[in-house]
Amino acid sequence: MNARLCALSAGAAASLVVMTTWLEAQSGARNGEWRTYGGDLGNTRYAPLDQVNASNFSKLEIAWRFKTDNLGPRGEFELEAPPLVASGVLDSPAGTRRPVVALDAATGEEL
């Protein structure tokens, strides 16, 4: 094999590794967990879940609510970042003057 063909083969292999890594980063949030800001390393903001669809969307109900007014003397309602979910724990901003709050993702109870 000549040097030019080896260089082309090495370049193709490197491109394949880069593309595989990029595609993996674009996979969406897995198993209902939102572990990074955009759901995955590709920031797709997508979760490939099939529990909600066109036929049952109108039947959705609120599972729980969490009020931030019990976290201090003045309630805040400006929660401007998406929550992160990992291992059943939802971490969310608790307002502009508070860092985060950890909640049980299934019940909404403060941890």
N, C-alpha and C. Protein backbone atom coordinates (compact mmCIF):
# COMPACT_ATOMS: atom_id res chain seq x y z
N MET A 1 0.85 -1.17 0.00
CA MET A 1 0.00 0.00 0.00
C MET A 1 0.90 1.23 0.00
N ASN A 2 0.63 2.16 -0.90
CA ASN A 2 1.50 3.33 -0.94
C ASN A 2 1.13 4.33 0.16
N ALA A 3 2.00 5.32 0.38
CA ALA A 3 1.83 6.28 1.48
C ALA A 3 0.55 7.10 1.32
N ARG A 4 0.22 7.45 0.06
CA ARG A 4 -0.98 8.27 -0.16
C ARG A 4 -2.24 7.49 0.21
N LEU A 5 -2.32 6.22 -0.17
CA LEU A 5 -3.47 5.39 0.15
C LEU A 5 -3.58 5.17 1.66
N CYS A 6 -2.46 5.00 2.35
CA CYS A 6 -2.46 4.86 3.81
C CYS A 6 -2.98 6.12 4.46
N ALA A 7 -2.56 7.27 3.96
CA ALA A 7 -3.01 8.55 4.52
C ALA A 7 -4.51 8.72 4.31
N LEU A 8 -5.01 8.33 3.12
CA LEU A 8 -6.44 8.42 2.85
C LEU A 8 -7.22 7.48 3.76
N SER A 9 -6.71 6.27 3.98
CA SER A 9 -7.38 5.31 4.85
C SER A 9 -7.42 5.81 6.28
N ALA A 10 -6.30 6.38 6.74
CA ALA A 10 -6.25 6.92 8.10
C ALA A 10 -7.22 8.10 8.24
N GLY A 11 -7.30 8.93 7.22
CA GLY A 11 -8.23 10.07 7.24
C GLY A 11 -9.67 9.61 7.27
N ALA A 12 -9.99 8.58 6.51
CA ALA A 12 -11.35 8.04 6.50
C ALA A 12 -11.71 7.45 7.85
N ALA A 13 -10.77 6.74 8.47
CA ALA A 13 -11.01 6.16 9.79
C ALA A 13 -11.24 7.25 10.83
N ALA A 14 -10.44 8.31 10.78
CA ALA A 14 -10.60 9.42 11.73
C ALA A 14 -11.95 10.09 11.52
N SER A 15 -12.36 10.27 10.27
CA SER A 15 -13.66 10.87 9.98
C SER A 15 -14.79 10.01 10.52
N LEU A 16 -14.66 8.70 10.40
CA LEU A 16 -15.68 7.78 10.90
C LEU A 16 -15.80 7.89 12.42
N VAL A 17 -14.68 8.00 13.12
CA VAL A 17 -14.71 8.14 14.58
C VAL A 17 -15.39 9.45 14.96
N VAL A 18 -15.06 10.54 14.30
CA VAL A 18 -15.67 11.84 14.58
C VAL A 18 -17.17 11.79 14.31
N MET A 19 -17.57 11.21 13.19
CA MET A 19 -19.00 11.13 12.86
C MET A 19 -19.75 10.26 13.85
N THR A 20 -19.17 9.15 14.27
CA THR A 20 -19.81 8.26 15.24
C THR A 20 -20.01 8.99 16.56
N THR A 21 -18.99 9.72 17.01
CA THR A 21 -19.10 10.49 18.25
C THR A 21 -20.17 11.56 18.11
N TRP A 22 -20.21 12.25 16.99
CA TRP A 22 -21.21 13.30 16.77
C TRP A 22 -22.62 12.70 16.76
N LEU A 23 -22.81 11.58 16.09
CA LEU A 23 -24.12 10.95 16.06
C LEU A 23 -24.55 10.47 17.43
N GLU A 24 -23.62 9.96 18.22
CA GLU A 24 -23.93 9.52 19.58
C GLU A 24 -24.39 10.71 20.42
N ALA A 25 -23.75 11.86 20.24
CA ALA A 25 -24.13 13.07 20.98
C ALA A 25 -25.51 13.56 20.56
N GLN A 26 -25.99 13.17 19.40
CA GLN A 26 -27.27 13.61 18.88
C GLN A 26 -28.39 12.61 19.16
N SER A 27 -28.25 11.75 20.13
CA SER A 27 -29.20 10.66 20.33
C SER A 27 -30.44 11.04 21.12
N GLY A 28 -30.45 12.18 21.77
CA GLY A 28 -31.58 12.56 22.61
C GLY A 28 -31.43 12.02 24.02
N ALA A 29 -32.23 12.53 24.92
CA ALA A 29 -32.19 12.07 26.31
C ALA A 29 -32.66 10.62 26.36
N ARG A 30 -31.96 9.80 27.13
CA ARG A 30 -32.28 8.37 27.18
C ARG A 30 -32.97 7.99 28.48
N ASN A 31 -33.86 7.03 28.40
CA ASN A 31 -34.54 6.46 29.57
C ASN A 31 -35.27 7.51 30.41
N GLY A 32 -35.74 8.56 29.78
CA GLY A 32 -36.47 9.60 30.51
C GLY A 32 -35.59 10.48 31.37
N GLU A 33 -34.28 10.35 31.23
CA GLU A 33 -33.37 11.17 32.01
C GLU A 33 -32.82 12.30 31.15
N TRP A 34 -32.75 13.47 31.73
CA TRP A 34 -32.30 14.68 31.05
C TRP A 34 -31.05 15.11 31.79
N ARG A 35 -29.90 14.48 31.48
CA ARG A 35 -28.68 14.65 32.27
C ARG A 35 -27.85 15.87 31.91
N THR A 36 -28.08 16.48 30.76
CA THR A 36 -27.36 17.69 30.37
C THR A 36 -28.34 18.77 29.99
N TYR A 37 -27.86 20.00 29.90
CA TYR A 37 -28.72 21.15 29.65
C TYR A 37 -29.68 20.94 28.48
N GLY A 38 -29.21 20.41 27.39
CA GLY A 38 -30.06 20.22 26.22
C GLY A 38 -30.57 18.81 26.03
N GLY A 39 -30.51 18.00 27.06
CA GLY A 39 -30.99 16.62 26.98
C GLY A 39 -29.92 15.62 26.63
N ASP A 40 -28.98 16.02 25.77
CA ASP A 40 -27.85 15.18 25.41
C ASP A 40 -26.68 16.09 25.05
N LEU A 41 -25.53 15.51 24.77
CA LEU A 41 -24.35 16.32 24.46
C LEU A 41 -24.50 17.10 23.17
N GLY A 42 -25.42 16.70 22.31
CA GLY A 42 -25.67 17.43 21.07
C GLY A 42 -26.69 18.55 21.25
N ASN A 43 -27.21 18.72 22.48
CA ASN A 43 -28.18 19.77 22.80
C ASN A 43 -29.42 19.68 21.92
N THR A 44 -29.91 18.45 21.68
CA THR A 44 -31.05 18.27 20.79
C THR A 44 -32.39 18.62 21.44
N ARG A 45 -32.43 18.64 22.78
CA ARG A 45 -33.67 18.90 23.52
C ARG A 45 -34.77 17.94 23.07
N TYR A 46 -34.39 16.68 22.98
CA TYR A 46 -35.29 15.65 22.49
C TYR A 46 -35.19 14.42 23.38
N ALA A 47 -36.33 13.83 23.69
CA ALA A 47 -36.36 12.55 24.41
C ALA A 47 -37.20 11.58 23.60
N PRO A 48 -36.63 10.47 23.16
CA PRO A 48 -37.37 9.53 22.31
C PRO A 48 -38.33 8.65 23.12
N LEU A 49 -39.28 9.25 23.77
CA LEU A 49 -40.26 8.52 24.57
C LEU A 49 -41.54 8.36 23.78
N ASP A 50 -42.22 7.25 23.95
CA ASP A 50 -43.45 7.03 23.19
C ASP A 50 -44.69 6.97 24.09
N GLN A 51 -44.57 7.37 25.36
CA GLN A 51 -45.72 7.32 26.26
C GLN A 51 -46.79 8.36 25.90
N VAL A 52 -46.36 9.50 25.40
CA VAL A 52 -47.31 10.55 25.02
C VAL A 52 -47.37 10.58 23.50
N ASN A 53 -48.58 10.50 22.97
CA ASN A 53 -48.76 10.55 21.53
C ASN A 53 -50.05 11.32 21.21
N ALA A 54 -50.38 11.44 19.96
CA ALA A 54 -51.54 12.22 19.55
C ALA A 54 -52.84 11.68 20.13
N SER A 55 -52.94 10.37 20.33
CA SER A 55 -54.20 9.80 20.81
C SER A 55 -54.43 10.00 22.31
N ASN A 56 -53.37 10.19 23.10
CA ASN A 56 -53.58 10.36 24.54
C ASN A 56 -53.17 11.74 25.06
N PHE A 57 -52.73 12.61 24.19
CA PHE A 57 -52.28 13.93 24.62
C PHE A 57 -53.36 14.70 25.37
N SER A 58 -54.59 14.65 24.91
CA SER A 58 -55.68 15.41 25.54
C SER A 58 -56.05 14.86 26.92
N LYS A 59 -55.57 13.68 27.26
CA LYS A 59 -55.89 13.06 28.55
C LYS A 59 -54.80 13.29 29.61
N LEU A 60 -53.75 14.03 29.27
CA LEU A 60 -52.67 14.27 30.23
C LEU A 60 -53.19 15.08 31.41
N GLU A 61 -52.65 14.77 32.59
CA GLU A 61 -53.01 15.49 33.81
C GLU A 61 -51.73 15.91 34.52
N ILE A 62 -51.81 16.94 35.33
CA ILE A 62 -50.67 17.39 36.12
C ILE A 62 -50.40 16.34 37.20
N ALA A 63 -49.17 15.86 37.26
CA ALA A 63 -48.80 14.82 38.23
C ALA A 63 -48.49 15.43 39.60
N TRP A 64 -47.78 16.56 39.62
CA TRP A 64 -47.48 17.26 40.86
C TRP A 64 -47.01 18.67 40.54
N ARG A 65 -47.01 19.52 41.56
CA ARG A 65 -46.50 20.88 41.45
C ARG A 65 -45.57 21.14 42.61
N PHE A 66 -44.61 22.01 42.40
CA PHE A 66 -43.71 22.40 43.48
C PHE A 66 -43.72 23.92 43.57
N LYS A 67 -44.00 24.43 44.75
CA LYS A 67 -44.03 25.87 44.94
C LYS A 67 -42.74 26.32 45.61
N THR A 68 -42.16 27.39 45.10
CA THR A 68 -40.92 27.91 45.67
C THR A 68 -41.18 28.88 46.81
N ASP A 69 -42.42 29.20 47.11
CA ASP A 69 -42.69 30.18 48.17
C ASP A 69 -42.31 29.67 49.56
N ASN A 70 -42.11 28.36 49.71
CA ASN A 70 -41.69 27.84 51.00
C ASN A 70 -40.17 27.83 51.18
N LEU A 71 -39.43 28.40 50.21
CA LEU A 71 -37.97 28.40 50.27
C LEU A 71 -37.40 29.70 50.83
N GLY A 72 -38.23 30.62 51.21
CA GLY A 72 -37.73 31.89 51.74
C GLY A 72 -38.86 32.88 51.92
N PRO A 73 -38.52 34.09 52.37
CA PRO A 73 -39.55 35.08 52.68
C PRO A 73 -40.30 35.60 51.46
N ARG A 74 -39.69 35.55 50.31
CA ARG A 74 -40.33 36.07 49.11
C ARG A 74 -40.32 35.01 48.02
N GLY A 75 -41.47 34.64 47.54
CA GLY A 75 -41.56 33.63 46.50
C GLY A 75 -40.99 34.12 45.18
N GLU A 76 -40.50 33.21 44.38
CA GLU A 76 -39.99 33.56 43.06
C GLU A 76 -40.58 32.62 42.04
N PHE A 77 -40.82 33.14 40.87
CA PHE A 77 -41.48 32.36 39.84
C PHE A 77 -40.72 32.41 38.51
N GLU A 78 -39.51 32.93 38.51
CA GLU A 78 -38.71 33.01 37.30
C GLU A 78 -37.74 31.84 37.24
N LEU A 79 -38.22 30.72 36.77
CA LEU A 79 -37.39 29.53 36.64
C LEU A 79 -37.05 29.38 35.17
N GLU A 80 -35.90 29.93 34.77
CA GLU A 80 -35.60 30.10 33.35
C GLU A 80 -34.68 29.06 32.75
N ALA A 81 -34.44 27.97 33.43
CA ALA A 81 -33.57 26.94 32.88
C ALA A 81 -34.30 25.60 32.96
N PRO A 82 -34.04 24.70 32.00
CA PRO A 82 -34.69 23.40 32.07
C PRO A 82 -34.12 22.59 33.23
N PRO A 83 -34.93 21.79 33.86
CA PRO A 83 -34.41 20.94 34.94
C PRO A 83 -33.57 19.82 34.37
N LEU A 84 -32.71 19.26 35.21
CA LEU A 84 -31.95 18.07 34.87
C LEU A 84 -32.55 16.91 35.64
N VAL A 85 -32.63 15.74 35.03
CA VAL A 85 -33.18 14.56 35.69
C VAL A 85 -32.19 13.42 35.54
N ALA A 86 -31.82 12.82 36.68
CA ALA A 86 -30.91 11.68 36.68
C ALA A 86 -31.22 10.81 37.89
N SER A 87 -31.36 9.53 37.67
CA SER A 87 -31.61 8.55 38.74
C SER A 87 -32.81 8.92 39.59
N GLY A 88 -33.86 9.43 38.96
CA GLY A 88 -35.09 9.75 39.67
C GLY A 88 -35.08 11.05 40.45
N VAL A 89 -34.02 11.84 40.30
CA VAL A 89 -33.92 13.12 40.99
C VAL A 89 -33.97 14.24 39.96
N LEU A 90 -34.86 15.20 40.19
CA LEU A 90 -35.01 16.36 39.32
C LEU A 90 -34.32 17.53 40.01
N ASP A 91 -33.31 18.10 39.37
CA ASP A 91 -32.62 19.28 39.88
C ASP A 91 -33.07 20.46 39.04
N SER A 92 -33.58 21.50 39.71
CA SER A 92 -34.14 22.63 38.99
C SER A 92 -33.72 23.93 39.66
N PRO A 93 -33.59 24.99 38.87
CA PRO A 93 -33.36 26.29 39.50
C PRO A 93 -34.56 26.62 40.38
N ALA A 94 -34.30 27.28 41.49
CA ALA A 94 -35.37 27.61 42.43
C ALA A 94 -35.62 29.10 42.45
N GLY A 95 -35.26 29.80 41.39
CA GLY A 95 -35.45 31.24 41.30
C GLY A 95 -34.13 31.92 40.99
N THR A 96 -34.17 33.22 40.84
CA THR A 96 -32.96 33.96 40.46
C THR A 96 -32.00 34.16 41.62
N ARG A 97 -32.47 34.09 42.85
CA ARG A 97 -31.60 34.31 44.01
C ARG A 97 -31.26 33.02 44.74
N ARG A 98 -31.68 31.90 44.23
CA ARG A 98 -31.42 30.62 44.88
C ARG A 98 -30.74 29.70 43.86
N PRO A 99 -29.82 28.85 44.33
CA PRO A 99 -29.14 28.00 43.35
C PRO A 99 -30.06 26.96 42.73
N VAL A 100 -30.26 25.82 43.34
CA VAL A 100 -31.11 24.76 42.79
C VAL A 100 -31.87 24.07 43.91
N VAL A 101 -32.87 23.32 43.52
CA VAL A 101 -33.61 22.50 44.46
C VAL A 101 -33.64 21.09 43.87
N ALA A 102 -33.50 20.08 44.73
CA ALA A 102 -33.55 18.68 44.30
C ALA A 102 -34.90 18.10 44.71
N LEU A 103 -35.60 17.50 43.74
CA LEU A 103 -36.93 16.95 43.98
C LEU A 103 -36.98 15.50 43.54
N ASP A 104 -37.84 14.72 44.19
CA ASP A 104 -38.12 13.38 43.72
C ASP A 104 -38.92 13.55 42.43
N ALA A 105 -38.41 13.03 41.32
CA ALA A 105 -39.04 13.26 40.02
C ALA A 105 -40.43 12.63 39.93
N ALA A 106 -40.70 11.59 40.69
CA ALA A 106 -41.99 10.92 40.63
C ALA A 106 -43.06 11.63 41.47
N THR A 107 -42.65 12.20 42.61
CA THR A 107 -43.64 12.76 43.53
C THR A 107 -43.59 14.27 43.68
N GLY A 108 -42.45 14.89 43.34
CA GLY A 108 -42.28 16.32 43.52
C GLY A 108 -41.86 16.70 44.92
N GLU A 109 -41.61 15.71 45.78
CA GLU A 109 -41.17 16.00 47.14
C GLU A 109 -39.75 16.55 47.14
N GLU A 110 -39.52 17.59 47.97
CA GLU A 110 -38.20 18.18 48.08
C GLU A 110 -37.27 17.21 48.80
N LEU A 111 -36.08 17.02 48.21
CA LEU A 111 -35.09 16.14 48.82
C LEU A 111 -34.09 16.97 49.59
